[in-house]
């Protein structure tokens, strides 16, 4: 996911999308990672429905869809005026999840 670094993500939105065990990040960083993980999970078609943002636990380098246990890696980067959220699902995790 790519976001403008100066985009304002208001606290009520952060409260709505947050998981109780999310790592504390800048609002725009949390938003970019949640978007990236959402797209990763939804496009994987491993879950019957798209996840809720609040079901996605984010740490500095990993994510987890807490209801299902599906996990992956993530990272956030800043490049000039942009914030990049990246999410990855390894083939091994997808295979494990399908068993």
N, C-alpha and C. Protein backbone atom coordinates (compact mmCIF):
# COMPACT_ATOMS: atom_id res chain seq x y z
N UNK A 1 0.85 -1.17 0.00
CA UNK A 1 0.00 0.00 0.00
C UNK A 1 0.89 1.23 0.00
N UNK A 2 0.51 2.25 -0.70
CA UNK A 2 1.27 3.50 -0.77
C UNK A 2 0.36 4.64 -0.31
N UNK A 3 0.86 5.42 0.62
CA UNK A 3 0.12 6.57 1.15
C UNK A 3 1.03 7.79 1.17
N UNK A 4 0.42 8.95 1.07
CA UNK A 4 1.19 10.18 1.23
C UNK A 4 1.54 10.31 2.71
N UNK A 5 2.78 10.65 3.00
CA UNK A 5 3.24 10.76 4.39
C UNK A 5 2.50 11.84 5.17
N UNK A 6 2.00 12.85 4.47
CA UNK A 6 1.31 13.94 5.16
C UNK A 6 -0.20 13.69 5.29
N UNK A 7 -0.66 12.53 4.87
CA UNK A 7 -2.09 12.22 5.00
C UNK A 7 -2.44 12.10 6.48
N UNK A 8 -3.53 12.71 6.87
CA UNK A 8 -3.97 12.68 8.26
C UNK A 8 -4.94 11.51 8.45
N UNK A 9 -4.60 10.62 9.36
CA UNK A 9 -5.49 9.53 9.75
C UNK A 9 -5.94 9.87 11.17
N UNK A 10 -7.19 10.22 11.29
CA UNK A 10 -7.71 10.71 12.57
C UNK A 10 -7.86 9.59 13.60
N UNK A 11 -7.79 10.00 14.87
CA UNK A 11 -7.85 9.04 15.98
C UNK A 11 -9.08 8.14 15.95
N UNK A 12 -10.29 8.65 15.64
CA UNK A 12 -11.44 7.73 15.60
C UNK A 12 -11.27 6.60 14.58
N UNK A 13 -10.58 6.89 13.49
CA UNK A 13 -10.32 5.84 12.49
C UNK A 13 -9.31 4.85 13.05
N UNK A 14 -8.26 5.36 13.68
CA UNK A 14 -7.25 4.48 14.27
C UNK A 14 -7.89 3.58 15.32
N UNK A 15 -8.77 4.14 16.13
CA UNK A 15 -9.46 3.34 17.15
C UNK A 15 -10.30 2.24 16.51
N UNK A 16 -10.96 2.53 15.41
CA UNK A 16 -11.82 1.56 14.74
C UNK A 16 -11.02 0.42 14.08
N UNK A 17 -9.84 0.72 13.56
CA UNK A 17 -9.06 -0.29 12.84
C UNK A 17 -8.05 -1.02 13.71
N UNK A 18 -7.82 -0.54 14.92
CA UNK A 18 -6.76 -1.10 15.77
C UNK A 18 -7.16 -2.42 16.40
N UNK A 19 -6.15 -3.25 16.57
CA UNK A 19 -6.24 -4.49 17.33
C UNK A 19 -5.63 -4.17 18.70
N UNK A 20 -6.13 -4.75 19.78
CA UNK A 20 -5.59 -4.41 21.11
C UNK A 20 -4.08 -4.64 21.26
N UNK A 21 -3.52 -5.54 20.46
CA UNK A 21 -2.08 -5.82 20.58
C UNK A 21 -1.25 -5.29 19.41
N UNK A 22 -1.80 -4.34 18.66
CA UNK A 22 -1.00 -3.69 17.62
C UNK A 22 0.19 -2.98 18.25
N UNK A 23 1.30 -3.02 17.53
CA UNK A 23 2.44 -2.20 17.95
C UNK A 23 2.08 -0.74 17.72
N UNK A 24 2.54 0.12 18.59
CA UNK A 24 2.24 1.55 18.45
C UNK A 24 3.11 2.13 17.35
N UNK A 25 2.47 2.59 16.30
CA UNK A 25 3.13 3.20 15.14
C UNK A 25 2.48 4.56 14.88
N UNK A 26 3.07 5.33 14.01
CA UNK A 26 2.40 6.55 13.56
C UNK A 26 1.11 6.13 12.88
N UNK A 27 0.10 6.96 12.98
CA UNK A 27 -1.21 6.62 12.43
C UNK A 27 -1.14 6.23 10.96
N UNK A 28 -0.41 6.99 10.17
CA UNK A 28 -0.32 6.72 8.74
C UNK A 28 0.42 5.40 8.48
N UNK A 29 1.39 5.07 9.32
CA UNK A 29 2.11 3.80 9.17
C UNK A 29 1.19 2.62 9.49
N UNK A 30 0.41 2.74 10.56
CA UNK A 30 -0.53 1.68 10.91
C UNK A 30 -1.55 1.50 9.79
N UNK A 31 -2.06 2.61 9.27
CA UNK A 31 -3.04 2.54 8.19
C UNK A 31 -2.44 1.83 6.96
N UNK A 32 -1.23 2.22 6.57
CA UNK A 32 -0.60 1.63 5.38
C UNK A 32 -0.36 0.14 5.57
N UNK A 33 0.05 -0.28 6.78
CA UNK A 33 0.27 -1.70 7.02
C UNK A 33 -1.04 -2.46 7.04
N UNK A 34 -2.08 -1.90 7.66
CA UNK A 34 -3.38 -2.58 7.68
C UNK A 34 -3.91 -2.75 6.26
N UNK A 35 -3.77 -1.72 5.44
CA UNK A 35 -4.21 -1.80 4.04
C UNK A 35 -3.44 -2.89 3.29
N UNK A 36 -2.12 -2.91 3.49
CA UNK A 36 -1.29 -3.89 2.80
C UNK A 36 -1.65 -5.31 3.23
N UNK A 37 -1.84 -5.52 4.52
CA UNK A 37 -2.19 -6.85 5.02
C UNK A 37 -3.59 -7.24 4.53
N UNK A 38 -4.52 -6.30 4.58
CA UNK A 38 -5.87 -6.57 4.09
C UNK A 38 -5.83 -7.07 2.64
N UNK A 39 -5.09 -6.37 1.80
CA UNK A 39 -4.99 -6.75 0.39
C UNK A 39 -4.32 -8.11 0.23
N UNK A 40 -3.29 -8.35 1.02
CA UNK A 40 -2.57 -9.63 0.97
C UNK A 40 -3.51 -10.77 1.33
N UNK A 41 -4.23 -10.62 2.42
CA UNK A 41 -5.13 -11.68 2.89
C UNK A 41 -6.32 -11.84 1.94
N UNK A 42 -6.95 -10.74 1.58
CA UNK A 42 -8.12 -10.82 0.70
C UNK A 42 -7.76 -11.44 -0.65
N UNK A 43 -6.63 -11.07 -1.20
CA UNK A 43 -6.22 -11.61 -2.51
C UNK A 43 -5.74 -13.06 -2.44
N UNK A 44 -5.38 -13.52 -1.25
CA UNK A 44 -4.93 -14.91 -1.11
C UNK A 44 -6.09 -15.89 -1.25
N UNK A 45 -7.30 -15.41 -1.00
CA UNK A 45 -8.50 -16.24 -1.04
C UNK A 45 -8.43 -17.42 -0.07
N UNK A 46 -7.63 -17.30 1.00
CA UNK A 46 -7.54 -18.35 2.01
C UNK A 46 -8.66 -18.26 3.04
N UNK A 47 -9.27 -17.10 3.16
CA UNK A 47 -10.36 -16.91 4.11
C UNK A 47 -11.68 -16.80 3.35
N UNK A 48 -12.76 -17.24 3.95
CA UNK A 48 -14.05 -17.17 3.26
C UNK A 48 -14.56 -15.75 3.06
N UNK A 49 -14.12 -14.83 3.91
CA UNK A 49 -14.53 -13.42 3.82
C UNK A 49 -13.31 -12.53 4.00
N UNK A 50 -13.42 -11.32 3.52
CA UNK A 50 -12.36 -10.34 3.75
C UNK A 50 -12.26 -10.05 5.24
N UNK A 51 -11.04 -9.89 5.76
CA UNK A 51 -10.89 -9.65 7.20
C UNK A 51 -11.29 -8.23 7.58
N UNK A 52 -11.64 -8.06 8.83
CA UNK A 52 -11.81 -6.72 9.39
C UNK A 52 -10.43 -6.20 9.78
N UNK A 53 -10.21 -4.91 9.60
CA UNK A 53 -8.91 -4.34 9.96
C UNK A 53 -8.60 -4.60 11.43
N UNK A 54 -9.62 -4.56 12.28
CA UNK A 54 -9.40 -4.75 13.72
C UNK A 54 -9.03 -6.18 14.08
N UNK A 55 -9.19 -7.12 13.15
CA UNK A 55 -8.78 -8.51 13.37
C UNK A 55 -7.32 -8.74 13.00
N UNK A 56 -6.68 -7.75 12.41
CA UNK A 56 -5.30 -7.87 11.94
C UNK A 56 -4.35 -7.27 12.98
N UNK A 57 -3.57 -8.13 13.62
CA UNK A 57 -2.59 -7.66 14.61
C UNK A 57 -1.29 -7.33 13.88
N UNK A 58 -0.79 -6.13 14.11
CA UNK A 58 0.40 -5.64 13.42
C UNK A 58 1.54 -5.42 14.42
N UNK A 59 2.71 -5.97 14.11
CA UNK A 59 3.93 -5.64 14.85
C UNK A 59 4.91 -5.04 13.84
N UNK A 60 6.10 -4.74 14.30
CA UNK A 60 7.08 -4.09 13.42
C UNK A 60 7.43 -4.95 12.20
N UNK A 61 7.37 -6.26 12.34
CA UNK A 61 7.80 -7.10 11.22
C UNK A 61 6.85 -8.25 10.88
N UNK A 62 5.76 -8.39 11.64
CA UNK A 62 4.84 -9.50 11.39
C UNK A 62 3.39 -9.05 11.52
N UNK A 63 2.51 -9.82 10.91
CA UNK A 63 1.08 -9.60 11.05
C UNK A 63 0.41 -10.95 11.33
N UNK A 64 -0.78 -10.88 11.92
CA UNK A 64 -1.57 -12.08 12.17
C UNK A 64 -3.05 -11.74 12.07
N UNK A 65 -3.78 -12.59 11.36
CA UNK A 65 -5.24 -12.51 11.37
C UNK A 65 -5.66 -13.34 12.57
N UNK A 66 -6.00 -12.67 13.68
CA UNK A 66 -6.15 -13.37 14.95
C UNK A 66 -7.27 -14.41 14.97
N UNK A 67 -8.41 -14.22 14.31
CA UNK A 67 -9.42 -15.28 14.37
C UNK A 67 -8.98 -16.59 13.71
N UNK A 68 -8.21 -16.52 12.65
CA UNK A 68 -7.84 -17.72 11.90
C UNK A 68 -6.43 -18.23 12.21
N UNK A 69 -5.57 -17.35 12.70
CA UNK A 69 -4.17 -17.74 12.93
C UNK A 69 -3.29 -17.58 11.71
N UNK A 70 -3.83 -17.12 10.59
CA UNK A 70 -3.03 -16.88 9.39
C UNK A 70 -2.02 -15.78 9.70
N UNK A 71 -0.75 -16.00 9.33
CA UNK A 71 0.33 -15.08 9.69
C UNK A 71 1.20 -14.76 8.49
N UNK A 72 1.92 -13.66 8.59
CA UNK A 72 2.87 -13.29 7.56
C UNK A 72 3.83 -12.23 8.07
N UNK A 73 4.59 -11.70 7.15
CA UNK A 73 5.55 -10.66 7.48
C UNK A 73 5.07 -9.34 6.91
N UNK A 74 5.54 -8.25 7.52
CA UNK A 74 5.20 -6.93 7.01
C UNK A 74 6.33 -5.96 7.33
N UNK A 75 6.31 -4.86 6.61
CA UNK A 75 7.28 -3.80 6.87
C UNK A 75 6.72 -2.48 6.36
N UNK A 76 7.15 -1.44 7.01
CA UNK A 76 6.74 -0.10 6.59
C UNK A 76 8.01 0.68 6.28
N UNK A 77 7.96 1.43 5.20
CA UNK A 77 9.11 2.24 4.78
C UNK A 77 8.63 3.63 4.42
N UNK A 78 9.52 4.58 4.57
CA UNK A 78 9.21 5.95 4.16
C UNK A 78 10.19 6.35 3.07
N UNK A 79 9.64 6.83 1.97
CA UNK A 79 10.44 7.30 0.84
C UNK A 79 9.96 8.69 0.48
N UNK A 80 10.75 9.67 0.84
CA UNK A 80 10.42 11.07 0.60
C UNK A 80 9.02 11.39 1.14
N UNK A 81 8.05 11.68 0.31
CA UNK A 81 6.71 12.05 0.78
C UNK A 81 5.76 10.87 0.87
N UNK A 82 6.27 9.66 0.74
CA UNK A 82 5.41 8.48 0.71
C UNK A 82 5.69 7.53 1.86
N UNK A 83 4.66 6.84 2.29
CA UNK A 83 4.78 5.75 3.26
C UNK A 83 4.35 4.48 2.52
N UNK A 84 5.20 3.47 2.55
CA UNK A 84 4.92 2.20 1.88
C UNK A 84 4.68 1.13 2.93
N UNK A 85 3.53 0.51 2.87
CA UNK A 85 3.22 -0.64 3.72
C UNK A 85 3.32 -1.88 2.86
N UNK A 86 4.08 -2.87 3.32
CA UNK A 86 4.27 -4.10 2.56
C UNK A 86 3.85 -5.28 3.42
N UNK A 87 3.15 -6.23 2.83
CA UNK A 87 2.73 -7.43 3.53
C UNK A 87 3.04 -8.65 2.67
N UNK A 88 3.48 -9.71 3.33
CA UNK A 88 3.89 -10.92 2.63
C UNK A 88 3.25 -12.14 3.28
N UNK A 89 2.89 -13.08 2.46
CA UNK A 89 2.38 -14.38 2.91
C UNK A 89 3.23 -15.43 2.23
N UNK A 90 3.98 -16.19 3.01
CA UNK A 90 4.87 -17.18 2.41
C UNK A 90 4.08 -18.37 1.89
N UNK A 91 4.59 -19.03 0.85
CA UNK A 91 3.93 -20.24 0.36
C UNK A 91 3.81 -21.30 1.46
N UNK A 92 4.81 -21.36 2.34
CA UNK A 92 4.78 -22.32 3.44
C UNK A 92 3.60 -22.05 4.36
N UNK A 93 3.36 -20.80 4.69
CA UNK A 93 2.23 -20.44 5.56
C UNK A 93 0.91 -20.74 4.87
N UNK A 94 0.80 -20.46 3.61
CA UNK A 94 -0.43 -20.75 2.87
C UNK A 94 -0.69 -22.26 2.87
N UNK A 95 0.35 -23.06 2.65
CA UNK A 95 0.20 -24.52 2.67
C UNK A 95 -0.22 -25.00 4.05
N UNK A 96 0.42 -24.46 5.09
CA UNK A 96 0.09 -24.84 6.46
C UNK A 96 -1.37 -24.52 6.76
N UNK A 97 -1.80 -23.37 6.31
CA UNK A 97 -3.16 -22.93 6.59
C UNK A 97 -4.20 -23.78 5.87
N UNK A 98 -3.86 -24.27 4.69
CA UNK A 98 -4.80 -25.07 3.90
C UNK A 98 -4.98 -26.50 4.42
N UNK A 99 -4.05 -26.95 5.26
CA UNK A 99 -4.13 -28.33 5.77
C UNK A 99 -5.27 -28.48 6.74
